[in-house]
Amino acid sequence: MAKIGFDANKYIEEQSKYILERINAGESERLYLEFGGKLVQDKHAMRVLPGFDENSKIKLLQKMKDQAEIIICIYSGDIMTSKTRADFGITYDLEVLRLIDTFRHYDLEINSVVVTRYEDDAPAVDMFLNKLQRRGIKTYRHRFTKGYPTDVDTIVSDEGYGANPYIEVSKPLVVVTGPGGGSGKLATCLSQLYHDYKRGKKVRYAKFETFPIWNIPLKHPVNVAYEAATADLKDVNMIDSFHLEAYGEMAVNYNRDLEVFPVVKRIIEKITGEESEYKSPTDMGVNRAGFSIIDDEVVKEAACQEIIRRYLNALCDYKKGRIDDGAVERSKLLMDELELKIEDRRVVEPAREYAEYKRNYDKRYENVVVMSLELPNGKIVTGRSSRRMVASAAVILNAVKVLCGMADEIHLISPGILKKIQDMKTEILHHEKTSLHCEEVLSALTISAATNPSAEVALSKLSDLRGCQAHCTAILSEGDEQTIRSLGIDVTCDPEYITNNLYFS
């Protein structure tokens, strides 16, 4: 059974209470709450804080749904470059659509979608906005703020924030979120503050950012894991010097917040005409995650594993051309800082060793790919690629057999069924590769379960793989990677392609 290091119930209770205190403090009519990180399915937090509910943040908002509405921001450049959310393998514009559906599922009100730093002559962005508008979603275009970041007089004027259209809101809590970092959430909040004050309304701003956790040490592995997760953004954790000077207390924040704080403070003071209530960027935050850690050793170990996982992912992303070598170097430095090695991830060596053994044993296995998977009880199983199926499919079948206590030689799927699917791929669909992908094999297992009792039992064990760790000796296809992740398995790969072909699907 997995060890727990974080109390999810305490977190939801304390976090919602603290946000309500911010809403009700002072005489303001409204709180604009910038929501950083992932509002739903926060798998990073779930991995580094064992016990964290990946949907805890949206659940706490659901408790306040009568008081809250949501604005979703997306940076126009992320639409044009098809930036991808790694956890799901979907682009940021599709992530916005998924977020809207998720918020609706939790009965949360969607106010609108704002495209930030909008520029003319961006057909992909206009197409995205048209799609939303034709489905009944309000949209806004915010351009780059004139004068930002140094000319506060211009920023807080009709030429700056005043040039943005006002987003009509009505609830006391306005959550401003986005598909990822750099979406323009802060600028949207400050723009709204400007417009509200011009309309004679007193409103406030606060920030909800889970990481870095401000009240644990700077070099705590959980905070280092945040740097690993944002290596491509060049985020660096630092001591909040403003907080230290104001209160004599150590607090952790990150470089972008510290760099922008003096500007944000001046902008807020210019908008409100009053001295800012915030003495530091930490003051702006409402994060209570650090108070819900119940076993520090457990979260440290989980965070170290996440740092290794992020480094392996960085190596693969570099191979795919998604990031530059600087991001890889930063990931490696974080590994070295905590004296971590790739082999400290338990599933790495069994996969590599088995692949090496097969290659040395028989020349037919020269290009063999192996995936290893650690079961909930700590046992590691492996699966290799073959003419019949890919390694990820093989290891899933082997894993559920072990969970069921079945002998390895038992066929969960008739070889005849697998052959028929392969024939369809080559003779009807005209695919060059006949090895069945993970989703195809799982579909065959599902069909077999209708007539094969062993397959039916095995199918019921798939849910037990959620939270398991896996490693493959080659880069997975996008489809196999998403199927593995949909099963809830955290997978890493060695940065090697199965084939020299440039088109890899």
Protein backbone atom coordinates (compact mmCIF):
# COMPACT_ATOMS: atom_id res chain seq x y z
CA MET A 1 0.00 0.00 0.00
CA ALA A 2 1.31 3.44 -0.95
CA LYS A 3 2.52 5.61 1.92
CA ILE A 4 0.60 8.81 2.61
CA GLY A 5 2.39 12.05 3.40
CA PHE A 6 -0.37 14.60 2.88
CA ASP A 7 -3.80 15.09 4.48
CA ALA A 8 -6.17 15.96 1.61
CA ASN A 9 -9.23 16.54 3.80
CA LYS A 10 -7.39 18.94 6.09
CA TYR A 11 -6.08 20.79 3.04
CA ILE A 12 -9.53 21.33 1.50
CA GLU A 13 -10.97 22.45 4.84
CA GLU A 14 -8.17 24.87 5.69
CA GLN A 15 -7.71 26.18 2.14
CA SER A 16 -11.40 26.97 1.60
CA LYS A 17 -11.59 28.67 5.02
CA TYR A 18 -8.56 30.83 4.20
CA ILE A 19 -9.91 31.88 0.78
CA LEU A 20 -13.25 32.84 2.37
CA GLU A 21 -11.36 34.97 4.88
CA ARG A 22 -9.68 36.81 1.99
CA ILE A 23 -13.02 37.36 0.25
CA ASN A 24 -14.64 38.77 3.37
CA ALA A 25 -11.68 40.86 4.58
CA GLY A 26 -11.95 44.63 4.35
CA GLU A 27 -14.71 46.46 2.52
CA SER A 28 -14.07 45.22 -1.00
CA GLU A 29 -16.89 44.05 -3.26
CA ARG A 30 -14.90 41.40 -5.03
CA LEU A 31 -11.72 39.31 -4.91
CA TYR A 32 -9.87 38.46 -8.11
CA LEU A 33 -8.03 35.22 -7.35
CA GLU A 34 -5.25 34.30 -9.76
CA PHE A 35 -5.12 30.51 -9.86
CA GLY A 36 -1.68 29.25 -10.88
CA GLY A 37 -0.81 25.65 -11.65
CA LYS A 38 -3.42 23.08 -12.54
CA LEU A 39 -6.88 23.74 -11.14
CA VAL A 40 -8.05 20.25 -12.11
CA GLN A 41 -6.14 16.96 -12.35
CA ASP A 42 -3.02 18.36 -10.74
CA LYS A 43 -0.94 15.24 -11.21
CA HIS A 44 2.31 16.95 -10.24
CA ALA A 45 0.94 17.81 -6.80
CA MET A 46 -0.47 14.30 -6.48
CA ARG A 47 2.94 12.78 -7.23
CA VAL A 48 5.05 14.97 -4.91
CA LEU A 49 2.49 15.08 -2.07
CA PRO A 50 1.24 11.47 -1.71
CA GLY A 51 -2.32 11.70 -0.46
CA PHE A 52 -3.07 14.92 -2.37
CA ASP A 53 -6.35 14.72 -4.29
CA GLU A 54 -5.59 15.79 -7.85
CA ASN A 55 -8.99 17.53 -7.98
CA SER A 56 -8.91 19.02 -4.49
CA LYS A 57 -8.65 22.61 -5.77
CA ILE A 58 -11.75 22.40 -7.89
CA LYS A 59 -13.56 20.63 -5.08
CA LEU A 60 -12.86 23.49 -2.72
CA LEU A 61 -14.14 25.91 -5.38
CA GLN A 62 -17.23 23.76 -5.72
CA LYS A 63 -17.91 24.40 -2.03
CA MET A 64 -17.99 28.11 -2.90
CA LYS A 65 -19.76 27.80 -6.27
CA ASP A 66 -22.54 30.20 -5.34
CA GLN A 67 -19.94 32.92 -4.79
CA ALA A 68 -17.57 32.14 -7.66
CA GLU A 69 -17.24 32.52 -11.42
CA ILE A 70 -14.28 31.63 -13.65
CA ILE A 71 -12.31 33.49 -16.30
CA ILE A 72 -9.95 31.37 -18.40
CA CYS A 73 -6.88 33.05 -19.95
CA ILE A 74 -4.79 31.70 -22.80
CA TYR A 75 -1.77 33.39 -24.37
CA SER A 76 -2.22 33.84 -28.14
CA GLY A 77 1.33 32.64 -28.79
CA ASP A 78 0.55 29.29 -27.16
CA ILE A 79 -2.28 28.80 -29.63
CA MET A 80 -0.09 29.67 -32.61
CA THR A 81 2.75 27.36 -31.53
CA SER A 82 0.39 24.52 -30.52
CA LYS A 83 1.90 24.37 -27.05
CA THR A 84 1.06 21.06 -25.38
CA ARG A 85 0.04 20.05 -21.88
CA ALA A 86 2.40 17.15 -21.18
CA ASP A 87 0.11 15.22 -18.81
CA PHE A 88 -2.54 14.74 -21.50
CA GLY A 89 -0.68 15.34 -24.74
CA ILE A 90 -3.20 17.95 -25.90
CA THR A 91 -2.61 21.51 -27.05
CA TYR A 92 -3.40 24.47 -24.79
CA ASP A 93 -6.41 25.54 -26.88
CA LEU A 94 -7.92 22.05 -26.53
CA GLU A 95 -7.06 22.16 -22.82
CA VAL A 96 -9.22 25.29 -22.53
CA LEU A 97 -12.16 23.37 -24.02
CA ARG A 98 -11.52 20.48 -21.64
CA LEU A 99 -11.36 22.86 -18.68
CA ILE A 100 -14.72 24.39 -19.61
CA ASP A 101 -16.31 20.93 -19.73
CA THR A 102 -14.73 20.03 -16.39
CA PHE A 103 -15.87 23.22 -14.68
CA ARG A 104 -19.39 22.64 -15.95
CA HIS A 105 -19.28 19.11 -14.57
CA TYR A 106 -18.59 20.60 -11.14
CA ASP A 107 -21.42 23.09 -11.65
CA LEU A 108 -19.05 26.08 -11.69
CA GLU A 109 -19.96 29.16 -13.70
CA ILE A 110 -17.73 29.99 -16.68
CA ASN A 111 -17.69 33.73 -17.26
CA SER A 112 -15.53 33.89 -20.39
CA VAL A 113 -12.27 33.05 -22.17
CA VAL A 114 -9.66 35.79 -22.65
CA VAL A 115 -6.94 35.60 -25.28
CA THR A 116 -4.03 37.61 -23.89
CA ARG A 117 -1.32 39.48 -25.82
CA TYR A 118 -3.55 39.22 -28.87
CA GLU A 119 -2.09 40.38 -32.19
CA ASP A 120 -3.68 40.95 -35.57
CA ASP A 121 -3.11 38.50 -38.43
CA ALA A 122 -3.37 35.40 -36.26
CA PRO A 123 -5.80 33.10 -38.12
CA ALA A 124 -5.39 30.20 -35.67
CA VAL A 125 -6.30 32.46 -32.74
CA ASP A 126 -9.32 33.94 -34.54
CA MET A 127 -10.50 30.45 -35.47
CA PHE A 128 -10.26 29.39 -31.83
CA LEU A 129 -12.27 32.43 -30.70
CA ASN A 130 -14.89 31.82 -33.39
CA LYS A 131 -15.25 28.22 -32.25
CA LEU A 132 -15.91 29.36 -28.68
CA GLN A 133 -18.32 32.13 -29.67
CA ARG A 134 -20.37 29.78 -31.83
CA ARG A 135 -20.72 27.44 -28.85
CA GLY A 136 -22.05 30.24 -26.66
CA ILE A 137 -18.84 31.08 -24.75
CA LYS A 138 -18.09 34.78 -24.23
CA THR A 139 -14.62 35.76 -25.44
CA TYR A 140 -12.35 38.79 -25.04
CA ARG A 141 -9.16 39.97 -26.71
CA HIS A 142 -6.53 41.64 -24.53
CA ARG A 143 -3.51 43.09 -26.29
CA PHE A 144 -0.02 43.59 -24.86
CA THR A 145 -0.21 46.26 -22.15
CA LYS A 146 1.41 49.47 -23.33
CA GLY A 147 4.18 50.64 -21.01
CA TYR A 148 4.57 47.30 -19.21
CA PRO A 149 6.57 46.69 -17.05
CA THR A 150 8.35 49.97 -16.22
CA ASP A 151 6.02 52.84 -17.16
CA VAL A 152 3.37 52.56 -14.43
CA ASP A 153 1.70 55.83 -15.44
CA THR A 154 1.03 54.48 -18.93
CA ILE A 155 0.08 51.01 -17.68
CA VAL A 156 -2.55 52.48 -15.34
CA SER A 157 -4.21 54.65 -17.95
CA ASP A 158 -6.63 54.46 -20.83
CA GLU A 159 -3.70 53.59 -23.09
CA GLY A 160 -2.65 50.66 -20.86
CA TYR A 161 -5.21 48.58 -19.00
CA GLY A 162 -7.91 50.92 -20.19
CA ALA A 163 -7.38 49.70 -23.77
CA ASN A 164 -8.61 46.23 -22.74
CA PRO A 165 -12.34 45.57 -22.83
CA TYR A 166 -13.84 45.14 -19.35
CA ILE A 167 -14.98 41.63 -18.50
CA GLU A 168 -18.44 41.89 -16.97
CA VAL A 169 -18.47 39.97 -13.67
CA SER A 170 -21.00 39.70 -10.86
CA LYS A 171 -19.79 37.26 -8.17
CA PRO A 172 -17.70 38.15 -5.07
CA LEU A 173 -15.00 35.62 -6.11
CA VAL A 174 -13.60 35.73 -9.63
CA VAL A 175 -11.15 32.90 -10.29
CA VAL A 176 -8.72 33.68 -13.10
CA THR A 177 -7.02 30.54 -14.40
CA GLY A 178 -5.41 29.16 -17.56
CA PRO A 179 -4.05 26.01 -19.20
CA GLY A 180 -0.50 26.69 -17.98
CA GLY A 181 2.15 29.21 -16.99
CA GLY A 182 2.45 32.49 -18.86
CA SER A 183 -1.23 32.57 -19.81
CA GLY A 184 -1.67 36.23 -18.79
CA LYS A 185 -3.64 35.66 -15.58
CA LEU A 186 -1.93 38.44 -13.59
CA ALA A 187 -2.39 41.04 -16.34
CA THR A 188 -6.06 40.08 -16.62
CA CYS A 189 -6.59 40.49 -12.86
CA LEU A 190 -4.88 43.89 -12.78
CA SER A 191 -6.79 45.04 -15.86
CA GLN A 192 -10.03 44.17 -14.08
CA LEU A 193 -8.90 46.04 -10.96
CA TYR A 194 -8.28 49.12 -13.08
CA HIS A 195 -11.72 49.01 -14.72
CA ASP A 196 -13.56 48.27 -11.47
CA TYR A 197 -11.94 51.20 -9.67
CA LYS A 198 -12.80 53.49 -12.57
CA ARG A 199 -16.39 52.36 -12.07
CA GLY A 200 -16.20 53.21 -8.38
CA LYS A 201 -15.97 49.63 -7.16
CA LYS A 202 -13.50 48.59 -4.47
CA VAL A 203 -11.96 45.22 -5.34
CA ARG A 204 -8.89 43.19 -4.34
CA TYR A 205 -6.38 40.77 -5.80
CA ALA A 206 -4.80 37.59 -4.39
CA LYS A 207 -2.87 34.64 -5.77
CA PHE A 208 -3.28 30.90 -5.35
CA GLU A 209 -0.10 29.06 -6.35
CA THR A 210 0.53 25.61 -4.85
CA PHE A 211 4.25 25.58 -5.61
CA PRO A 212 6.75 26.47 -4.42
CA ILE A 213 5.40 25.87 -0.91
CA TRP A 214 6.29 29.03 0.95
CA ASN A 215 6.63 27.62 4.50
CA ILE A 216 8.97 24.68 3.87
CA PRO A 217 12.74 25.01 3.24
CA LEU A 218 14.04 26.49 0.00
CA LYS A 219 15.91 23.29 -0.93
CA HIS A 220 13.22 20.90 0.22
CA PRO A 221 12.79 18.26 -2.53
CA VAL A 222 9.14 19.29 -3.01
CA ASN A 223 10.26 22.81 -3.91
CA VAL A 224 13.14 21.52 -6.05
CA ALA A 225 10.61 19.33 -7.89
CA TYR A 226 8.72 22.50 -8.79
CA GLU A 227 11.87 23.87 -10.42
CA ALA A 228 12.22 20.60 -12.33
CA ALA A 229 8.61 20.87 -13.51
CA THR A 230 9.21 24.42 -14.80
CA ALA A 231 12.74 23.99 -16.15
CA ASP A 232 11.58 25.17 -19.59
CA LEU A 233 10.22 28.38 -17.99
CA LYS A 234 13.51 28.96 -16.14
CA ASP A 235 11.75 29.31 -12.79
CA VAL A 236 14.10 29.46 -9.80
CA ASN A 237 13.04 29.26 -6.16
CA MET A 238 14.36 32.03 -3.92
CA ILE A 239 13.95 33.37 -0.41
CA ASP A 240 11.32 36.10 -0.43
CA SER A 241 13.53 39.05 0.54
CA PHE A 242 10.50 41.36 0.81
CA HIS A 243 8.86 39.05 3.34
CA LEU A 244 12.09 38.67 5.30
CA GLU A 245 12.54 42.43 5.50
CA ALA A 246 8.90 43.13 6.44
CA TYR A 247 8.36 40.37 9.00
CA GLY A 248 11.76 38.87 9.81
CA GLU A 249 10.44 35.50 8.63
CA MET A 250 11.83 33.19 5.94
CA ALA A 251 9.43 32.38 3.10
CA VAL A 252 10.01 30.75 -0.28
CA ASN A 253 8.83 32.17 -3.58
CA TYR A 254 10.14 32.07 -7.14
CA ASN A 255 12.05 34.48 -9.32
CA ARG A 256 9.23 35.70 -11.54
CA ASP A 257 7.02 36.65 -8.60
CA LEU A 258 9.90 38.36 -6.81
CA GLU A 259 10.97 40.26 -9.93
CA VAL A 260 7.50 41.52 -10.72
CA PHE A 261 6.37 42.27 -7.14
CA PRO A 262 7.65 45.88 -6.95
CA VAL A 263 5.90 46.65 -10.23
CA VAL A 264 2.67 44.91 -9.19
CA LYS A 265 2.71 46.73 -5.85
CA ARG A 266 3.13 50.11 -7.58
CA ILE A 267 0.40 49.28 -10.11
CA ILE A 268 -2.06 48.29 -7.35
CA GLU A 269 -1.24 51.45 -5.39
CA LYS A 270 -1.66 53.58 -8.53
CA ILE A 271 -5.05 51.94 -9.27
CA THR A 272 -6.40 52.14 -5.70
CA GLY A 273 -4.79 55.39 -4.64
CA GLU A 274 -3.85 53.70 -1.37
CA GLU A 275 -0.84 51.96 0.11
CA SER A 276 -0.84 48.30 -0.83
CA GLU A 277 -1.99 45.83 1.81
CA TYR A 278 0.78 43.49 0.63
CA LYS A 279 4.35 43.80 1.89
CA SER A 280 5.65 40.78 -0.08
CA PRO A 281 4.66 38.41 -2.88
CA THR A 282 4.12 35.76 -0.21
CA ASP A 283 1.49 38.06 1.34
CA MET A 284 -0.42 37.91 -1.93
CA GLY A 285 -0.70 34.13 -1.74
CA VAL A 286 -3.42 32.03 -0.14
CA ASN A 287 -1.68 28.65 -0.32
CA ARG A 288 -2.00 26.39 2.74
CA ALA A 289 -0.51 23.19 1.32
CA GLY A 290 2.50 23.22 3.65
CA PHE A 291 0.24 22.95 6.69
CA SER A 292 -1.21 19.65 5.45
CA ILE A 293 2.05 17.70 5.12
CA ILE A 294 1.81 14.91 7.72
CA ASP A 295 4.93 12.86 6.86
CA ASP A 296 7.88 14.86 5.61
CA GLU A 297 10.03 11.83 4.74
CA VAL A 298 7.32 10.38 2.51
CA VAL A 299 6.90 13.60 0.53
CA LYS A 300 10.68 14.04 0.25
CA GLU A 301 11.06 10.60 -1.33
CA ALA A 302 8.11 11.19 -3.66
CA ALA A 303 9.55 14.56 -4.72
CA CYS A 304 12.96 13.02 -5.46
CA GLN A 305 11.29 10.45 -7.69
CA GLU A 306 9.44 13.25 -9.48
CA ILE A 307 12.72 15.09 -10.13
CA ILE A 308 14.16 11.96 -11.77
CA ARG A 309 10.96 11.49 -13.78
CA ARG A 310 11.10 15.11 -14.97
CA TYR A 311 14.73 14.72 -16.05
CA LEU A 312 13.93 11.63 -18.13
CA ASN A 313 10.99 13.48 -19.67
CA ALA A 314 13.25 16.44 -20.45
CA LEU A 315 15.70 14.16 -22.28
CA CYS A 316 12.84 12.79 -24.40
CA ASP A 317 11.34 16.24 -25.03
CA TYR A 318 14.74 17.46 -26.19
CA LYS A 319 14.97 14.49 -28.57
CA LYS A 320 11.51 15.41 -29.90
CA GLY A 321 12.58 19.03 -30.42
CA ARG A 322 10.14 20.43 -27.85
CA ILE A 323 12.67 22.10 -25.53
CA ASP A 324 16.20 23.47 -25.79
CA ASP A 325 19.35 22.06 -24.24
CA GLY A 326 19.21 24.70 -21.50
CA ALA A 327 16.09 23.09 -20.02
CA VAL A 328 17.83 19.71 -19.99
CA GLU A 329 20.88 21.20 -18.30
CA ARG A 330 18.71 22.79 -15.61
CA SER A 331 16.99 19.47 -14.98
CA LYS A 332 20.36 17.74 -14.68
CA LEU A 333 21.66 20.36 -12.24
CA LEU A 334 18.64 19.76 -10.00
CA MET A 335 19.38 16.03 -10.08
CA ASP A 336 22.99 16.68 -9.11
CA GLU A 337 21.97 19.12 -6.38
CA LEU A 338 20.13 16.32 -4.55
CA GLU A 339 22.68 13.65 -5.62
CA LEU A 340 20.08 11.71 -7.56
CA LYS A 341 20.72 9.21 -10.35
CA ILE A 342 18.39 7.92 -13.05
CA GLU A 343 18.88 4.42 -11.62
CA ASP A 344 17.29 5.60 -8.35
CA ARG A 345 14.00 5.17 -10.22
CA ARG A 346 13.38 1.49 -9.49
CA VAL A 347 11.78 0.59 -12.82
CA VAL A 348 14.68 1.82 -14.98
CA GLU A 349 17.31 -0.89 -14.52
CA PRO A 350 14.99 -3.93 -14.86
CA ALA A 351 13.83 -2.68 -18.28
CA ARG A 352 17.35 -1.90 -19.48
CA GLU A 353 18.82 -5.14 -18.16
CA TYR A 354 16.13 -7.31 -19.77
CA ALA A 355 16.52 -5.52 -23.10
CA GLU A 356 20.30 -5.98 -22.96
CA TYR A 357 19.88 -9.66 -22.09
CA LYS A 358 17.54 -10.28 -25.05
CA ARG A 359 19.86 -8.44 -27.45
CA ASN A 360 22.86 -10.47 -26.31
CA TYR A 361 20.92 -13.73 -26.30
CA ASP A 362 19.53 -13.62 -29.84
CA LYS A 363 20.25 -11.34 -32.82
CA ARG A 364 16.53 -11.41 -33.65
CA TYR A 365 16.04 -9.14 -30.64
CA GLU A 366 18.54 -6.51 -31.79
CA ASN A 367 15.80 -3.85 -31.81
CA VAL A 368 13.81 -5.19 -28.88
CA VAL A 369 12.00 -2.66 -26.67
CA VAL A 370 11.22 -3.48 -23.03
CA MET A 371 8.90 -1.84 -20.53
CA SER A 372 9.01 -2.56 -16.81
CA LEU A 373 6.23 -1.79 -14.37
CA GLU A 374 6.22 -1.72 -10.57
CA LEU A 375 3.06 -3.18 -9.06
CA PRO A 376 1.45 -1.80 -5.87
CA ASN A 377 3.15 -4.54 -3.81
CA GLY A 378 6.60 -3.54 -5.11
CA LYS A 379 7.01 -6.46 -7.53
CA ILE A 380 8.39 -5.46 -10.94
CA VAL A 381 7.12 -7.09 -14.13
CA THR A 382 8.41 -6.62 -17.67
CA GLY A 383 7.07 -6.91 -21.19
CA ARG A 384 8.90 -6.80 -24.51
CA SER A 385 7.96 -5.77 -28.01
CA SER A 386 7.22 -8.50 -30.56
CA ARG A 387 5.70 -8.93 -34.00
CA ARG A 388 2.37 -9.31 -32.21
CA MET A 389 2.30 -6.29 -29.86
CA VAL A 390 4.29 -3.35 -28.50
CA ALA A 391 6.11 -3.52 -25.16
CA SER A 392 3.56 -1.35 -23.33
CA ALA A 393 0.72 -3.73 -24.25
CA ALA A 394 2.78 -6.77 -23.27
CA VAL A 395 3.65 -5.39 -19.83
CA ILE A 396 0.01 -4.49 -19.11
CA LEU A 397 -1.10 -8.06 -19.87
CA ASN A 398 1.76 -9.48 -17.81
CA ALA A 399 0.94 -7.15 -14.92
CA VAL A 400 -2.75 -8.07 -14.71
CA LYS A 401 -1.83 -11.76 -14.89
CA VAL A 402 0.41 -11.32 -11.85
CA LEU A 403 -2.32 -9.39 -10.02
CA CYS A 404 -4.75 -12.24 -10.76
CA GLY A 405 -2.24 -14.94 -9.79
CA MET A 406 -2.44 -16.47 -13.28
CA ALA A 407 0.25 -18.54 -14.94
CA ASP A 408 2.26 -16.71 -17.61
CA GLU A 409 1.33 -19.20 -20.34
CA ILE A 410 -2.42 -18.53 -20.04
CA HIS A 411 -3.82 -16.70 -23.08
CA LEU A 412 -6.03 -13.79 -22.05
CA ILE A 413 -6.67 -13.04 -25.72
CA SER A 414 -6.86 -15.74 -28.37
CA PRO A 415 -3.87 -15.58 -30.75
CA GLY A 416 -6.44 -15.89 -33.55
CA ILE A 417 -8.12 -12.63 -32.50
CA LEU A 418 -4.81 -10.80 -32.43
CA LYS A 419 -3.97 -12.20 -35.88
CA LYS A 420 -7.30 -11.01 -37.29
CA ILE A 421 -6.69 -7.48 -35.99
CA GLN A 422 -3.21 -7.49 -37.50
CA ASP A 423 -4.62 -8.67 -40.85
CA MET A 424 -7.18 -5.86 -40.78
CA LYS A 425 -4.41 -3.29 -40.16
CA THR A 426 -2.34 -4.45 -43.11
CA GLU A 427 -4.90 -5.66 -45.64
CA ILE A 428 -7.76 -3.19 -45.09
CA LEU A 429 -6.27 -0.12 -43.38
CA HIS A 430 -2.93 -0.52 -45.22
CA HIS A 431 -0.75 0.16 -42.18
CA GLU A 432 2.91 -0.75 -42.56
CA LYS A 433 3.38 -1.77 -38.92
CA THR A 434 1.47 -4.82 -37.73
CA SER A 435 2.43 -4.82 -34.02
CA LEU A 436 -0.68 -3.99 -32.04
CA HIS A 437 -0.67 -0.82 -29.97
CA CYS A 438 -1.68 -0.70 -26.33
CA GLU A 439 -5.22 0.55 -26.95
CA GLU A 440 -5.83 -2.12 -29.61
CA VAL A 441 -4.73 -4.88 -27.24
CA LEU A 442 -6.88 -3.49 -24.41
CA SER A 443 -9.87 -3.41 -26.78
CA ALA A 444 -9.19 -7.04 -27.70
CA LEU A 445 -8.98 -7.90 -23.98
CA THR A 446 -12.34 -6.21 -23.38
CA ILE A 447 -13.98 -8.18 -26.21
CA SER A 448 -12.40 -11.43 -24.99
CA ALA A 449 -13.83 -10.81 -21.50
CA ALA A 450 -17.33 -11.48 -22.90
CA THR A 451 -16.51 -15.16 -23.45
CA ASN A 452 -13.25 -15.77 -21.55
CA PRO A 453 -13.55 -15.81 -17.71
CA SER A 454 -9.78 -15.30 -17.32
CA ALA A 455 -9.91 -12.19 -19.50
CA GLU A 456 -12.86 -10.89 -17.48
CA VAL A 457 -10.93 -11.24 -14.20
CA ALA A 458 -7.83 -9.65 -15.77
CA LEU A 459 -9.89 -6.73 -17.09
CA SER A 460 -11.13 -5.98 -13.57
CA LYS A 461 -7.52 -5.60 -12.39
CA LEU A 462 -6.62 -2.76 -14.78
CA SER A 463 -7.79 -0.17 -12.25
CA ASP A 464 -5.22 -1.54 -9.76
CA LEU A 465 -2.46 -0.19 -12.02
CA ARG A 466 -3.40 3.43 -11.25
CA GLY A 467 -0.47 5.12 -9.53
CA CYS A 468 2.05 2.51 -10.67
CA GLN A 469 5.45 3.48 -12.10
CA ALA A 470 6.78 2.28 -15.47
CA HIS A 471 9.81 2.75 -17.70
CA CYS A 472 10.39 1.95 -21.36
CA THR A 473 13.73 1.55 -23.12
CA ALA A 474 12.49 3.59 -26.11
CA ILE A 475 10.24 6.59 -26.71
CA LEU A 476 6.60 5.54 -26.83
CA SER A 477 4.27 6.57 -29.64
CA GLU A 478 1.92 9.39 -28.68
CA GLY A 479 -1.02 6.97 -28.69
CA ASP A 480 0.63 4.40 -26.42
CA GLU A 481 1.86 7.09 -24.06
CA GLN A 482 -1.62 8.52 -23.67
CA THR A 483 -3.18 5.09 -23.14
CA ILE A 484 -0.64 4.30 -20.42
CA ARG A 485 -1.27 7.65 -18.75
CA SER A 486 -5.05 7.18 -19.03
CA LEU A 487 -4.58 4.02 -16.97
CA GLY A 488 -3.01 6.28 -14.32
CA ILE A 489 0.51 4.89 -14.79
CA ASP A 490 3.45 7.31 -14.50
CA VAL A 491 5.71 6.32 -17.37
CA THR A 492 9.19 7.46 -18.37
CA CYS A 493 11.30 6.49 -21.37
CA ASP A 494 14.92 6.37 -22.45
CA PRO A 495 15.52 9.07 -25.10
CA GLU A 496 15.81 6.62 -28.00
CA TYR A 497 13.47 6.04 -30.94
CA ILE A 498 12.39 2.55 -31.94
CA THR A 499 13.09 3.27 -35.58
CA ASN A 500 15.15 5.65 -37.69
CA ASN A 501 12.02 6.71 -39.59
CA LEU A 502 11.30 10.41 -39.12
CA TYR A 503 7.53 9.95 -39.11
CA PHE A 504 6.84 8.27 -35.79
CA SER A 505 3.23 7.62 -34.82
